[in-house]
């Protein structure tokens, strides 16, 4: 992010998603500062690295919001168990057997 980008030339994407082309890092940083935004490395392993001009705080907030939504949509696995003892009555065994059938179906 910003001064942490060490490459001499980077591919820059503007704040509204348009390609600005391959620019020197200093020039891209200057453009981001003029717009009061951050220069964020999106794909640092690409050749040349891809960076985007964006509000980093807003980006982090939206990312956390997406993660929260994804976590809500995950199915929670519940473990159910039935305990039996050696001194259980016949009627109680029937009830537990019916409960086991409900759990398994």
PDB file of N, CA and C in Angstrom:
ATOM      1  N   UNK A   1       0.845  -1.177   0.000  1.00  0.00           N
ATOM      2  CA  UNK A   1       0.000   0.000   0.000  1.00  0.00           C
ATOM      3  C   UNK A   1       0.891   1.241   0.000  1.00  0.00           C
ATOM      4  N   UNK A   2       0.568   2.204  -0.788  1.00  0.00           N
ATOM      5  CA  UNK A   2       1.270   3.478  -0.922  1.00  0.00           C
ATOM      6  C   UNK A   2       2.781   3.300  -1.023  1.00  0.00           C
ATOM      7  N   UNK A   3       3.552   3.785  -0.051  1.00  0.00           N
ATOM      8  CA  UNK A   3       5.012   3.763  -0.133  1.00  0.00           C
ATOM      9  C   UNK A   3       5.607   2.363   0.012  1.00  0.00           C
ATOM     10  N   UNK A   4       4.817   1.374   0.394  1.00  0.00           N
ATOM     11  CA  UNK A   4       5.321   0.006   0.538  1.00  0.00           C
ATOM     12  C   UNK A   4       5.520  -0.672  -0.812  1.00  0.00           C
ATOM     13  N   UNK A   5       4.997  -0.098  -1.876  1.00  0.00           N
ATOM     14  CA  UNK A   5       5.141  -0.668  -3.219  1.00  0.00           C
ATOM     15  C   UNK A   5       6.534  -0.311  -3.727  1.00  0.00           C
ATOM     16  N   UNK A   6       7.361  -1.335  -3.975  1.00  0.00           N
ATOM     17  CA  UNK A   6       8.773  -1.124  -4.310  1.00  0.00           C
ATOM     18  C   UNK A   6       9.081  -1.171  -5.807  1.00  0.00           C
ATOM     19  N   UNK A   7       8.177  -1.658  -6.632  1.00  0.00           N
ATOM     20  CA  UNK A   7       8.447  -1.794  -8.055  1.00  0.00           C
ATOM     21  C   UNK A   7       8.556  -0.418  -8.717  1.00  0.00           C
ATOM     22  N   UNK A   8       9.326  -0.356  -9.814  1.00  0.00           N
ATOM     23  CA  UNK A   8       9.511   0.921 -10.507  1.00  0.00           C
ATOM     24  C   UNK A   8       8.283   1.283 -11.336  1.00  0.00           C
ATOM     25  N   UNK A   9       7.703   0.286 -12.015  1.00  0.00           N
ATOM     26  CA  UNK A   9       6.527   0.528 -12.846  1.00  0.00           C
ATOM     27  C   UNK A   9       5.412  -0.420 -12.438  1.00  0.00           C
ATOM     28  N   UNK A  10       4.191   0.087 -12.445  1.00  0.00           N
ATOM     29  CA  UNK A  10       3.024  -0.712 -12.065  1.00  0.00           C
ATOM     30  C   UNK A  10       1.880  -0.440 -13.035  1.00  0.00           C
ATOM     31  N   UNK A  11       0.976  -1.408 -13.146  1.00  0.00           N
ATOM     32  CA  UNK A  11      -0.248  -1.215 -13.934  1.00  0.00           C
ATOM     33  C   UNK A  11      -1.269  -0.603 -12.980  1.00  0.00           C
ATOM     34  N   UNK A  12      -1.832   0.538 -13.354  1.00  0.00           N
ATOM     35  CA  UNK A  12      -2.707   1.289 -12.451  1.00  0.00           C
ATOM     36  C   UNK A  12      -4.153   1.221 -12.930  1.00  0.00           C
ATOM     37  N   UNK A  13      -5.041   0.961 -11.972  1.00  0.00           N
ATOM     38  CA  UNK A  13      -6.484   0.992 -12.213  1.00  0.00           C
ATOM     39  C   UNK A  13      -7.031   2.154 -11.403  1.00  0.00           C
ATOM     40  N   UNK A  14      -7.839   2.991 -12.030  1.00  0.00           N
ATOM     41  CA  UNK A  14      -8.380   4.176 -11.367  1.00  0.00           C
ATOM     42  C   UNK A  14      -9.429   3.840 -10.327  1.00  0.00           C
ATOM     43  N   UNK A  15      -9.878   4.864  -9.610  1.00  0.00           N
ATOM     44  CA  UNK A  15     -10.854   4.695  -8.533  1.00  0.00           C
ATOM     45  C   UNK A  15     -12.193   4.182  -9.056  1.00  0.00           C
ATOM     46  N   UNK A  16     -12.550   4.548 -10.291  1.00  0.00           N
ATOM     47  CA  UNK A  16     -13.833   4.098 -10.840  1.00  0.00           C
ATOM     48  C   UNK A  16     -13.678   2.878 -11.750  1.00  0.00           C
ATOM     49  N   UNK A  17     -12.500   2.221 -11.721  1.00  0.00           N
ATOM     50  CA  UNK A  17     -12.303   0.959 -12.423  1.00  0.00           C
ATOM     51  C   UNK A  17     -11.680   1.056 -13.802  1.00  0.00           C
ATOM     52  N   UNK A  18     -11.379   2.251 -14.301  1.00  0.00           N
ATOM     53  CA  UNK A  18     -10.802   2.357 -15.640  1.00  0.00           C
ATOM     54  C   UNK A  18      -9.289   2.117 -15.578  1.00  0.00           C
ATOM     55  N   UNK A  19      -8.759   1.529 -16.651  1.00  0.00           N
ATOM     56  CA  UNK A  19      -7.324   1.254 -16.744  1.00  0.00           C
ATOM     57  C   UNK A  19      -6.592   2.552 -17.075  1.00  0.00           C
ATOM     58  N   UNK A  20      -5.610   2.890 -16.258  1.00  0.00           N
ATOM     59  CA  UNK A  20      -4.814   4.087 -16.525  1.00  0.00           C
ATOM     60  C   UNK A  20      -3.500   3.738 -17.212  1.00  0.00           C
ATOM     61  N   UNK A  21      -3.200   2.445 -17.339  1.00  0.00           N
ATOM     62  CA  UNK A  21      -2.007   2.002 -18.035  1.00  0.00           C
ATOM     63  C   UNK A  21      -0.854   1.714 -17.091  1.00  0.00           C
ATOM     64  N   UNK A  22       0.322   1.499 -17.682  1.00  0.00           N
ATOM     65  CA  UNK A  22       1.532   1.218 -16.909  1.00  0.00           C
ATOM     66  C   UNK A  22       2.221   2.549 -16.634  1.00  0.00           C
ATOM     67  N   UNK A  23       2.386   2.855 -15.349  1.00  0.00           N
ATOM     68  CA  UNK A  23       2.953   4.136 -14.928  1.00  0.00           C
ATOM     69  C   UNK A  23       4.083   3.912 -13.933  1.00  0.00           C
ATOM     70  N   UNK A  24       4.986   4.890 -13.817  1.00  0.00           N
ATOM     71  CA  UNK A  24       5.974   4.821 -12.733  1.00  0.00           C
ATOM     72  C   UNK A  24       5.259   4.898 -11.380  1.00  0.00           C
ATOM     73  N   UNK A  25       5.810   4.238 -10.389  1.00  0.00           N
ATOM     74  CA  UNK A  25       5.174   4.173  -9.070  1.00  0.00           C
ATOM     75  C   UNK A  25       4.996   5.560  -8.468  1.00  0.00           C
ATOM     76  N   UNK A  26       5.999   6.412  -8.616  1.00  0.00           N
ATOM     77  CA  UNK A  26       5.910   7.763  -8.034  1.00  0.00           C
ATOM     78  C   UNK A  26       4.747   8.551  -8.637  1.00  0.00           C
ATOM     79  N   UNK A  27       4.565   8.422  -9.940  1.00  0.00           N
ATOM     80  CA  UNK A  27       3.471   9.138 -10.605  1.00  0.00           C
ATOM     81  C   UNK A  27       2.112   8.607 -10.134  1.00  0.00           C
ATOM     82  N   UNK A  28       2.004   7.290  -9.980  1.00  0.00           N
ATOM     83  CA  UNK A  28       0.753   6.688  -9.501  1.00  0.00           C
ATOM     84  C   UNK A  28       0.462   7.130  -8.069  1.00  0.00           C
ATOM     85  N   UNK A  29       1.497   7.202  -7.239  1.00  0.00           N
ATOM     86  CA  UNK A  29       1.321   7.676  -5.860  1.00  0.00           C
ATOM     87  C   UNK A  29       0.851   9.124  -5.842  1.00  0.00           C
ATOM     88  N   UNK A  30       1.422   9.933  -6.737  1.00  0.00           N
ATOM     89  CA  UNK A  30       1.042  11.340  -6.813  1.00  0.00           C
ATOM     90  C   UNK A  30      -0.429  11.479  -7.221  1.00  0.00           C
ATOM     91  N   UNK A  31      -0.862  10.644  -8.183  1.00  0.00           N
ATOM     92  CA  UNK A  31      -2.264  10.674  -8.615  1.00  0.00           C
ATOM     93  C   UNK A  31      -3.194  10.290  -7.458  1.00  0.00           C
ATOM     94  N   UNK A  32      -2.800   9.288  -6.683  1.00  0.00           N
ATOM     95  CA  UNK A  32      -3.621   8.845  -5.553  1.00  0.00           C
ATOM     96  C   UNK A  32      -3.700   9.930  -4.484  1.00  0.00           C
ATOM     97  N   UNK A  33      -2.585  10.586  -4.213  1.00  0.00           N
ATOM     98  CA  UNK A  33      -2.566  11.648  -3.199  1.00  0.00           C
ATOM     99  C   UNK A  33      -3.418  12.840  -3.626  1.00  0.00           C
ATOM    100  N   UNK A  34      -3.419  13.159  -4.928  1.00  0.00           N
ATOM    101  CA  UNK A  34      -4.239  14.266  -5.425  1.00  0.00           C
ATOM    102  C   UNK A  34      -5.725  13.996  -5.197  1.00  0.00           C
ATOM    103  N   UNK A  35      -6.110  12.730  -5.317  1.00  0.00           N
ATOM    104  CA  UNK A  35      -7.511  12.355  -5.111  1.00  0.00           C
ATOM    105  C   UNK A  35      -7.803  12.022  -3.649  1.00  0.00           C
ATOM    106  N   UNK A  36      -6.788  12.146  -2.789  1.00  0.00           N
ATOM    107  CA  UNK A  36      -6.882  11.820  -1.359  1.00  0.00           C
ATOM    108  C   UNK A  36      -7.319  10.372  -1.152  1.00  0.00           C
ATOM    109  N   UNK A  37      -6.733   9.476  -1.959  1.00  0.00           N
ATOM    110  CA  UNK A  37      -7.002   8.042  -1.862  1.00  0.00           C
ATOM    111  C   UNK A  37      -5.679   7.300  -1.687  1.00  0.00           C
ATOM    112  N   UNK A  38      -5.757   5.974  -1.576  1.00  0.00           N
ATOM    113  CA  UNK A  38      -4.570   5.147  -1.391  1.00  0.00           C
ATOM    114  C   UNK A  38      -4.283   4.353  -2.659  1.00  0.00           C
ATOM    115  N   UNK A  39      -3.017   4.002  -2.840  1.00  0.00           N
ATOM    116  CA  UNK A  39      -2.597   3.128  -3.928  1.00  0.00           C
ATOM    117  C   UNK A  39      -2.387   1.745  -3.316  1.00  0.00           C
ATOM    118  N   UNK A  40      -3.231   0.794  -3.703  1.00  0.00           N
ATOM    119  CA  UNK A  40      -3.225  -0.535  -3.089  1.00  0.00           C
ATOM    120  C   UNK A  40      -2.816  -1.570  -4.130  1.00  0.00           C
ATOM    121  N   UNK A  41      -1.863  -2.443  -3.755  1.00  0.00           N
ATOM    122  CA  UNK A  41      -1.420  -3.520  -4.641  1.00  0.00           C
ATOM    123  C   UNK A  41      -2.474  -4.619  -4.646  1.00  0.00           C
ATOM    124  N   UNK A  42      -3.125  -4.820  -5.786  1.00  0.00           N
ATOM    125  CA  UNK A  42      -4.163  -5.837  -5.922  1.00  0.00           C
ATOM    126  C   UNK A  42      -3.538  -7.188  -6.268  1.00  0.00           C
ATOM    127  N   UNK A  43      -2.628  -7.188  -7.216  1.00  0.00           N
ATOM    128  CA  UNK A  43      -1.958  -8.419  -7.641  1.00  0.00           C
ATOM    129  C   UNK A  43      -0.454  -8.153  -7.735  1.00  0.00           C
ATOM    130  N   UNK A  44       0.260  -8.242  -6.599  1.00  0.00           N
ATOM    131  CA  UNK A  44       1.686  -7.911  -6.606  1.00  0.00           C
ATOM    132  C   UNK A  44       2.552  -8.917  -7.354  1.00  0.00           C
ATOM    133  N   UNK A  45       2.061 -10.131  -7.594  1.00  0.00           N
ATOM    134  CA  UNK A  45       2.875 -11.142  -8.264  1.00  0.00           C
ATOM    135  C   UNK A  45       2.791 -11.051  -9.789  1.00  0.00           C
ATOM    136  N   UNK A  46       1.872 -10.246 -10.316  1.00  0.00           N
ATOM    137  CA  UNK A  46       1.739 -10.097 -11.770  1.00  0.00           C
ATOM    138  C   UNK A  46       2.929  -9.311 -12.316  1.00  0.00           C
ATOM    139  N   UNK A  47       3.079  -9.347 -13.637  1.00  0.00           N
ATOM    140  CA  UNK A  47       4.180  -8.613 -14.244  1.00  0.00           C
ATOM    141  C   UNK A  47       3.617  -7.668 -15.292  1.00  0.00           C
ATOM    142  N   UNK A  48       3.574  -6.367 -15.143  1.00  0.00           N
ATOM    143  CA  UNK A  48       3.923  -5.615 -13.933  1.00  0.00           C
ATOM    144  C   UNK A  48       2.823  -5.746 -12.871  1.00  0.00           C
ATOM    145  N   UNK A  49       3.150  -5.471 -11.608  1.00  0.00           N
ATOM    146  CA  UNK A  49       2.157  -5.589 -10.532  1.00  0.00           C
ATOM    147  C   UNK A  49       0.950  -4.682 -10.785  1.00  0.00           C
ATOM    148  N   UNK A  50      -0.229  -5.169 -10.402  1.00  0.00           N
ATOM    149  CA  UNK A  50      -1.462  -4.408 -10.603  1.00  0.00           C
ATOM    150  C   UNK A  50      -1.807  -3.693  -9.304  1.00  0.00           C
ATOM    151  N   UNK A  51      -2.018  -2.377  -9.395  1.00  0.00           N
ATOM    152  CA  UNK A  51      -2.381  -1.573  -8.234  1.00  0.00           C
ATOM    153  C   UNK A  51      -3.641  -0.779  -8.564  1.00  0.00           C
ATOM    154  N   UNK A  52      -4.406  -0.480  -7.526  1.00  0.00           N
ATOM    155  CA  UNK A  52      -5.652   0.246  -7.725  1.00  0.00           C
ATOM    156  C   UNK A  52      -5.689   1.446  -6.797  1.00  0.00           C
ATOM    157  N   UNK A  53      -6.211   2.549  -7.316  1.00  0.00           N
ATOM    158  CA  UNK A  53      -6.400   3.748  -6.503  1.00  0.00           C
ATOM    159  C   UNK A  53      -7.762   3.623  -5.844  1.00  0.00           C
ATOM    160  N   UNK A  54      -7.775   3.558  -4.502  1.00  0.00           N
ATOM    161  CA  UNK A  54      -9.032   3.370  -3.772  1.00  0.00           C
ATOM    162  C   UNK A  54      -8.894   3.883  -2.348  1.00  0.00           C
ATOM    163  N   UNK A  55     -10.029   3.991  -1.675  1.00  0.00           N
ATOM    164  CA  UNK A  55     -10.049   4.332  -0.253  1.00  0.00           C
ATOM    165  C   UNK A  55      -9.844   3.025   0.506  1.00  0.00           C
ATOM    166  N   UNK A  56      -8.657   2.841   1.082  1.00  0.00           N
ATOM    167  CA  UNK A  56      -8.308   1.568   1.709  1.00  0.00           C
ATOM    168  C   UNK A  56      -9.177   1.269   2.927  1.00  0.00           C
ATOM    169  N   UNK A  57      -9.504   2.277   3.716  1.00  0.00           N
ATOM    170  CA  UNK A  57     -10.362   2.080   4.889  1.00  0.00           C
ATOM    171  C   UNK A  57     -11.730   1.557   4.493  1.00  0.00           C
ATOM    172  N   UNK A  58     -12.290   2.128   3.429  1.00  0.00           N
ATOM    173  CA  UNK A  58     -13.596   1.692   2.930  1.00  0.00           C
ATOM    174  C   UNK A  58     -13.501   0.272   2.379  1.00  0.00           C
ATOM    175  N   UNK A  59     -12.398  -0.039   1.704  1.00  0.00           N
ATOM    176  CA  UNK A  59     -12.180  -1.372   1.152  1.00  0.00           C
ATOM    177  C   UNK A  59     -12.144  -2.420   2.262  1.00  0.00           C
ATOM    178  N   UNK A  60     -11.417  -2.139   3.346  1.00  0.00           N
ATOM    179  CA  UNK A  60     -11.326  -3.065   4.480  1.00  0.00           C
ATOM    180  C   UNK A  60     -12.697  -3.245   5.117  1.00  0.00           C
ATOM    181  N   UNK A  61     -13.438  -2.151   5.286  1.00  0.00           N
ATOM    182  CA  UNK A  61     -14.776  -2.219   5.883  1.00  0.00           C
ATOM    183  C   UNK A  61     -15.696  -3.119   5.055  1.00  0.00           C
ATOM    184  N   UNK A  62     -15.694  -2.926   3.735  1.00  0.00           N
ATOM    185  CA  UNK A  62     -16.548  -3.730   2.860  1.00  0.00           C
ATOM    186  C   UNK A  62     -16.125  -5.192   2.862  1.00  0.00           C
ATOM    187  N   UNK A  63     -14.816  -5.448   2.935  1.00  0.00           N
ATOM    188  CA  UNK A  63     -14.311  -6.817   2.976  1.00  0.00           C
ATOM    189  C   UNK A  63     -14.777  -7.523   4.247  1.00  0.00           C
ATOM    190  N   UNK A  64     -14.706  -6.813   5.385  1.00  0.00           N
ATOM    191  CA  UNK A  64     -15.161  -7.390   6.651  1.00  0.00           C
ATOM    192  C   UNK A  64     -16.662  -7.653   6.612  1.00  0.00           C
ATOM    193  N   UNK A  65     -17.404  -6.757   5.968  1.00  0.00           N
ATOM    194  CA  UNK A  65     -18.849  -6.919   5.846  1.00  0.00           C
ATOM    195  C   UNK A  65     -19.181  -8.166   5.019  1.00  0.00           C
ATOM    196  N   UNK A  66     -18.450  -8.378   3.916  1.00  0.00           N
ATOM    197  CA  UNK A  66     -18.658  -9.562   3.085  1.00  0.00           C
ATOM    198  C   UNK A  66     -18.325 -10.833   3.862  1.00  0.00           C
ATOM    199  N   UNK A  67     -17.234 -10.795   4.630  1.00  0.00           N
ATOM    200  CA  UNK A  67     -16.845 -11.958   5.428  1.00  0.00           C
ATOM    201  C   UNK A  67     -17.911 -12.298   6.462  1.00  0.00           C
ATOM    202  N   UNK A  68     -18.494 -11.263   7.064  1.00  0.00           N
ATOM    203  CA  UNK A  68     -19.553 -11.468   8.055  1.00  0.00           C
ATOM    204  C   UNK A  68     -20.770 -12.127   7.411  1.00  0.00           C
ATOM    205  N   UNK A  69     -21.155 -11.643   6.229  1.00  0.00           N
ATOM    206  CA  UNK A  69     -22.299 -12.205   5.519  1.00  0.00           C
ATOM    207  C   UNK A  69     -22.044 -13.664   5.145  1.00  0.00           C
ATOM    208  N   UNK A  70     -20.828 -13.957   4.685  1.00  0.00           N
ATOM    209  CA  UNK A  70     -20.488 -15.328   4.309  1.00  0.00           C
ATOM    210  C   UNK A  70     -20.534 -16.240   5.533  1.00  0.00           C
ATOM    211  N   UNK A  71     -20.093 -15.730   6.657  1.00  0.00           N
ATOM    212  CA  UNK A  71     -20.105 -16.520   7.890  1.00  0.00           C
ATOM    213  C   UNK A  71     -21.536 -16.798   8.334  1.00  0.00           C
ATOM    214  N   UNK A  72     -22.440 -15.838   8.137  1.00  0.00           N
ATOM    215  CA  UNK A  72     -23.841 -16.032   8.498  1.00  0.00           C
ATOM    216  C   UNK A  72     -24.486 -17.119   7.644  1.00  0.00           C
ATOM    217  N   UNK A  73     -24.088 -17.195   6.383  1.00  0.00           N
ATOM    218  CA  UNK A  73     -24.702 -18.131   5.454  1.00  0.00           C
ATOM    219  C   UNK A  73     -24.172 -19.555   5.602  1.00  0.00           C
ATOM    220  N   UNK A  74     -23.081 -19.725   6.351  1.00  0.00           N
ATOM    221  CA  UNK A  74     -22.543 -21.064   6.548  1.00  0.00           C
ATOM    222  C   UNK A  74     -23.504 -21.898   7.376  1.00  0.00           C
ATOM    223  N   UNK A  75     -23.599 -23.152   7.031  1.00  0.00           N
ATOM    224  CA  UNK A  75     -24.473 -24.052   7.767  1.00  0.00           C
ATOM    225  C   UNK A  75     -23.724 -24.537   9.011  1.00  0.00           C
ATOM    226  N   UNK A  76     -24.360 -24.385  10.161  1.00  0.00           N
ATOM    227  CA  UNK A  76     -23.755 -24.804  11.413  1.00  0.00           C
ATOM    228  C   UNK A  76     -24.101 -26.268  11.647  1.00  0.00           C
ATOM    229  N   UNK A  77     -23.079 -27.062  11.892  1.00  0.00           N
ATOM    230  CA  UNK A  77     -23.281 -28.482  12.134  1.00  0.00           C
ATOM    231  C   UNK A  77     -23.512 -28.687  13.622  1.00  0.00           C
ATOM    232  N   UNK A  78     -24.627 -29.343  13.949  1.00  0.00           N
ATOM    233  CA  UNK A  78     -24.918 -29.630  15.348  1.00  0.00           C
ATOM    234  C   UNK A  78     -24.776 -31.126  15.579  1.00  0.00           C
ATOM    235  N   UNK A  79     -24.182 -31.465  16.684  1.00  0.00           N
ATOM    236  CA  UNK A  79     -23.992 -32.865  17.048  1.00  0.00           C
ATOM    237  C   UNK A  79     -25.084 -33.242  18.036  1.00  0.00           C
ATOM    238  N   UNK A  80     -25.782 -34.307  17.706  1.00  0.00           N
ATOM    239  CA  UNK A  80     -26.852 -34.774  18.582  1.00  0.00           C
ATOM    240  C   UNK A  80     -26.464 -36.146  19.109  1.00  0.00           C
ATOM    241  N   UNK A  81     -26.827 -36.410  20.344  1.00  0.00           N
ATOM    242  CA  UNK A  81     -26.487 -37.699  20.930  1.00  0.00           C
ATOM    243  C   UNK A  81     -27.656 -38.222  21.750  1.00  0.00           C
ATOM    244  N   UNK A  82     -27.667 -39.515  21.914  1.00  0.00           N
ATOM    245  CA  UNK A  82     -28.670 -40.178  22.749  1.00  0.00           C
ATOM    246  C   UNK A  82     -27.910 -41.056  23.736  1.00  0.00           C
ATOM    247  N   UNK A  83     -28.199 -40.887  24.998  1.00  0.00           N
ATOM    248  CA  UNK A  83     -27.518 -41.662  26.033  1.00  0.00           C
ATOM    249  C   UNK A  83     -28.433 -42.767  26.543  1.00  0.00           C
ATOM    250  N   UNK A  84     -27.832 -43.910  26.730  1.00  0.00           N
ATOM    251  CA  UNK A  84     -28.545 -45.054  27.288  1.00  0.00           C
ATOM    252  C   UNK A  84     -27.797 -45.532  28.527  1.00  0.00           C
ATOM    253  N   UNK A  85     -28.541 -46.064  29.463  1.00  0.00           N
ATOM    254  CA  UNK A  85     -27.903 -46.638  30.652  1.00  0.00           C
ATOM    255  C   UNK A  85     -28.330 -48.093  30.798  1.00  0.00           C
ATOM    256  N   UNK A  86     -27.671 -48.801  31.670  1.00  0.00           N
ATOM    257  CA  UNK A  86     -27.955 -50.228  31.853  1.00  0.00           C
ATOM    258  C   UNK A  86     -29.293 -50.461  32.535  1.00  0.00           C
ATOM    259  N   UNK A  87     -29.785 -49.501  33.282  1.00  0.00           N
ATOM    260  CA  UNK A  87     -31.021 -49.688  34.054  1.00  0.00           C
ATOM    261  C   UNK A  87     -32.200 -48.936  33.444  1.00  0.00           C
ATOM    262  N   UNK A  88     -32.251 -48.841  32.127  1.00  0.00           N
ATOM    263  CA  UNK A  88     -33.313 -48.085  31.470  1.00  0.00           C
ATOM    264  C   UNK A  88     -34.554 -48.975  31.280  1.00  0.00           C
ATOM    265  N   UNK A  89     -35.709 -48.395  31.407  1.00  0.00           N
ATOM    266  CA  UNK A  89     -36.971 -49.127  31.254  1.00  0.00           C
ATOM    267  C   UNK A  89     -37.296 -49.321  29.771  1.00  0.00           C
ATOM    268  N   UNK A  90     -38.131 -50.291  29.482  1.00  0.00           N
ATOM    269  CA  UNK A  90     -38.471 -50.639  28.103  1.00  0.00           C
ATOM    270  C   UNK A  90     -39.163 -49.486  27.375  1.00  0.00           C
ATOM    271  N   UNK A  91     -40.065 -48.802  28.055  1.00  0.00           N
ATOM    272  CA  UNK A  91     -40.776 -47.669  27.451  1.00  0.00           C
ATOM    273  C   UNK A  91     -39.799 -46.541  27.103  1.00  0.00           C
ATOM    274  N   UNK A  92     -38.826 -46.299  27.995  1.00  0.00           N
ATOM    275  CA  UNK A  92     -37.832 -45.254  27.739  1.00  0.00           C
ATOM    276  C   UNK A  92     -36.956 -45.608  26.539  1.00  0.00           C
ATOM    277  N   UNK A  93     -36.654 -46.895  26.378  1.00  0.00           N
ATOM    278  CA  UNK A  93     -35.865 -47.331  25.223  1.00  0.00           C
ATOM    279  C   UNK A  93     -36.642 -47.062  23.936  1.00  0.00           C
ATOM    280  N   UNK A  94     -37.942 -47.308  23.946  1.00  0.00           N
ATOM    281  CA  UNK A  94     -38.766 -47.058  22.759  1.00  0.00           C
ATOM    282  C   UNK A  94     -38.757 -45.575  22.394  1.00  0.00           C
ATOM    283  N   UNK A  95     -38.879 -44.722  23.404  1.00  0.00           N
ATOM    284  CA  UNK A  95     -38.859 -43.271  23.168  1.00  0.00           C
ATOM    285  C   UNK A  95     -37.512 -42.850  22.587  1.00  0.00           C
ATOM    286  N   UNK A  96     -36.423 -43.360  23.164  1.00  0.00           N
ATOM    287  CA  UNK A  96     -35.087 -43.001  22.662  1.00  0.00           C
ATOM    288  C   UNK A  96     -34.871 -43.547  21.252  1.00  0.00           C
ATOM    289  N   UNK A  97     -35.420 -44.710  20.954  1.00  0.00           N
ATOM    290  CA  UNK A  97     -35.311 -45.274  19.605  1.00  0.00           C
ATOM    291  C   UNK A  97     -36.052 -44.390  18.603  1.00  0.00           C
ATOM    292  N   UNK A  98     -37.228 -43.917  18.980  1.00  0.00           N
ATOM    293  CA  UNK A  98     -37.980 -43.009  18.100  1.00  0.00           C
ATOM    294  C   UNK A  98     -37.219 -41.703  17.882  1.00  0.00           C
ATOM    295  N   UNK A  99     -36.617 -41.172  18.951  1.00  0.00           N
ATOM    296  CA  UNK A  99     -35.814 -39.949  18.823  1.00  0.00           C
ATOM    297  C   UNK A  99     -34.623 -40.180  17.899  1.00  0.00           C
ATOM    298  N   UNK A 100     -33.994 -41.348  18.017  1.00  0.00           N
ATOM    299  CA  UNK A 100     -32.851 -41.673  17.160  1.00  0.00           C
ATOM    300  C   UNK A 100     -33.283 -41.738  15.701  1.00  0.00           C
ATOM    301  N   UNK A 101     -34.454 -42.300  15.434  1.00  0.00           N
ATOM    302  CA  UNK A 101     -34.967 -42.369  14.062  1.00  0.00           C
ATOM    303  C   UNK A 101     -35.195 -40.969  13.496  1.00  0.00           C
ATOM    304  N   UNK A 102     -35.718 -40.066  14.335  1.00  0.00           N
ATOM    305  CA  UNK A 102     -35.940 -38.684  13.892  1.00  0.00           C
ATOM    306  C   UNK A 102     -34.620 -37.995  13.562  1.00  0.00           C
ATOM    307  N   UNK A 103     -33.607 -38.238  14.396  1.00  0.00           N
ATOM    308  CA  UNK A 103     -32.294 -37.610  14.179  1.00  0.00           C
ATOM    309  C   UNK A 103     -31.674 -38.124  12.883  1.00  0.00           C
ATOM    310  N   UNK A 104     -31.770 -39.420  12.647  1.00  0.00           N
ATOM    311  CA  UNK A 104     -31.127 -40.023  11.479  1.00  0.00           C
ATOM    312  C   UNK A 104     -31.862 -39.762  10.172  1.00  0.00           C
ATOM    313  N   UNK A 105     -33.132 -39.427  10.239  1.00  0.00           N
ATOM    314  CA  UNK A 105     -33.871 -39.205   8.990  1.00  0.00           C
ATOM    315  C   UNK A 105     -33.857 -37.762   8.569  1.00  0.00           C
TER     316      UNK A 105
END
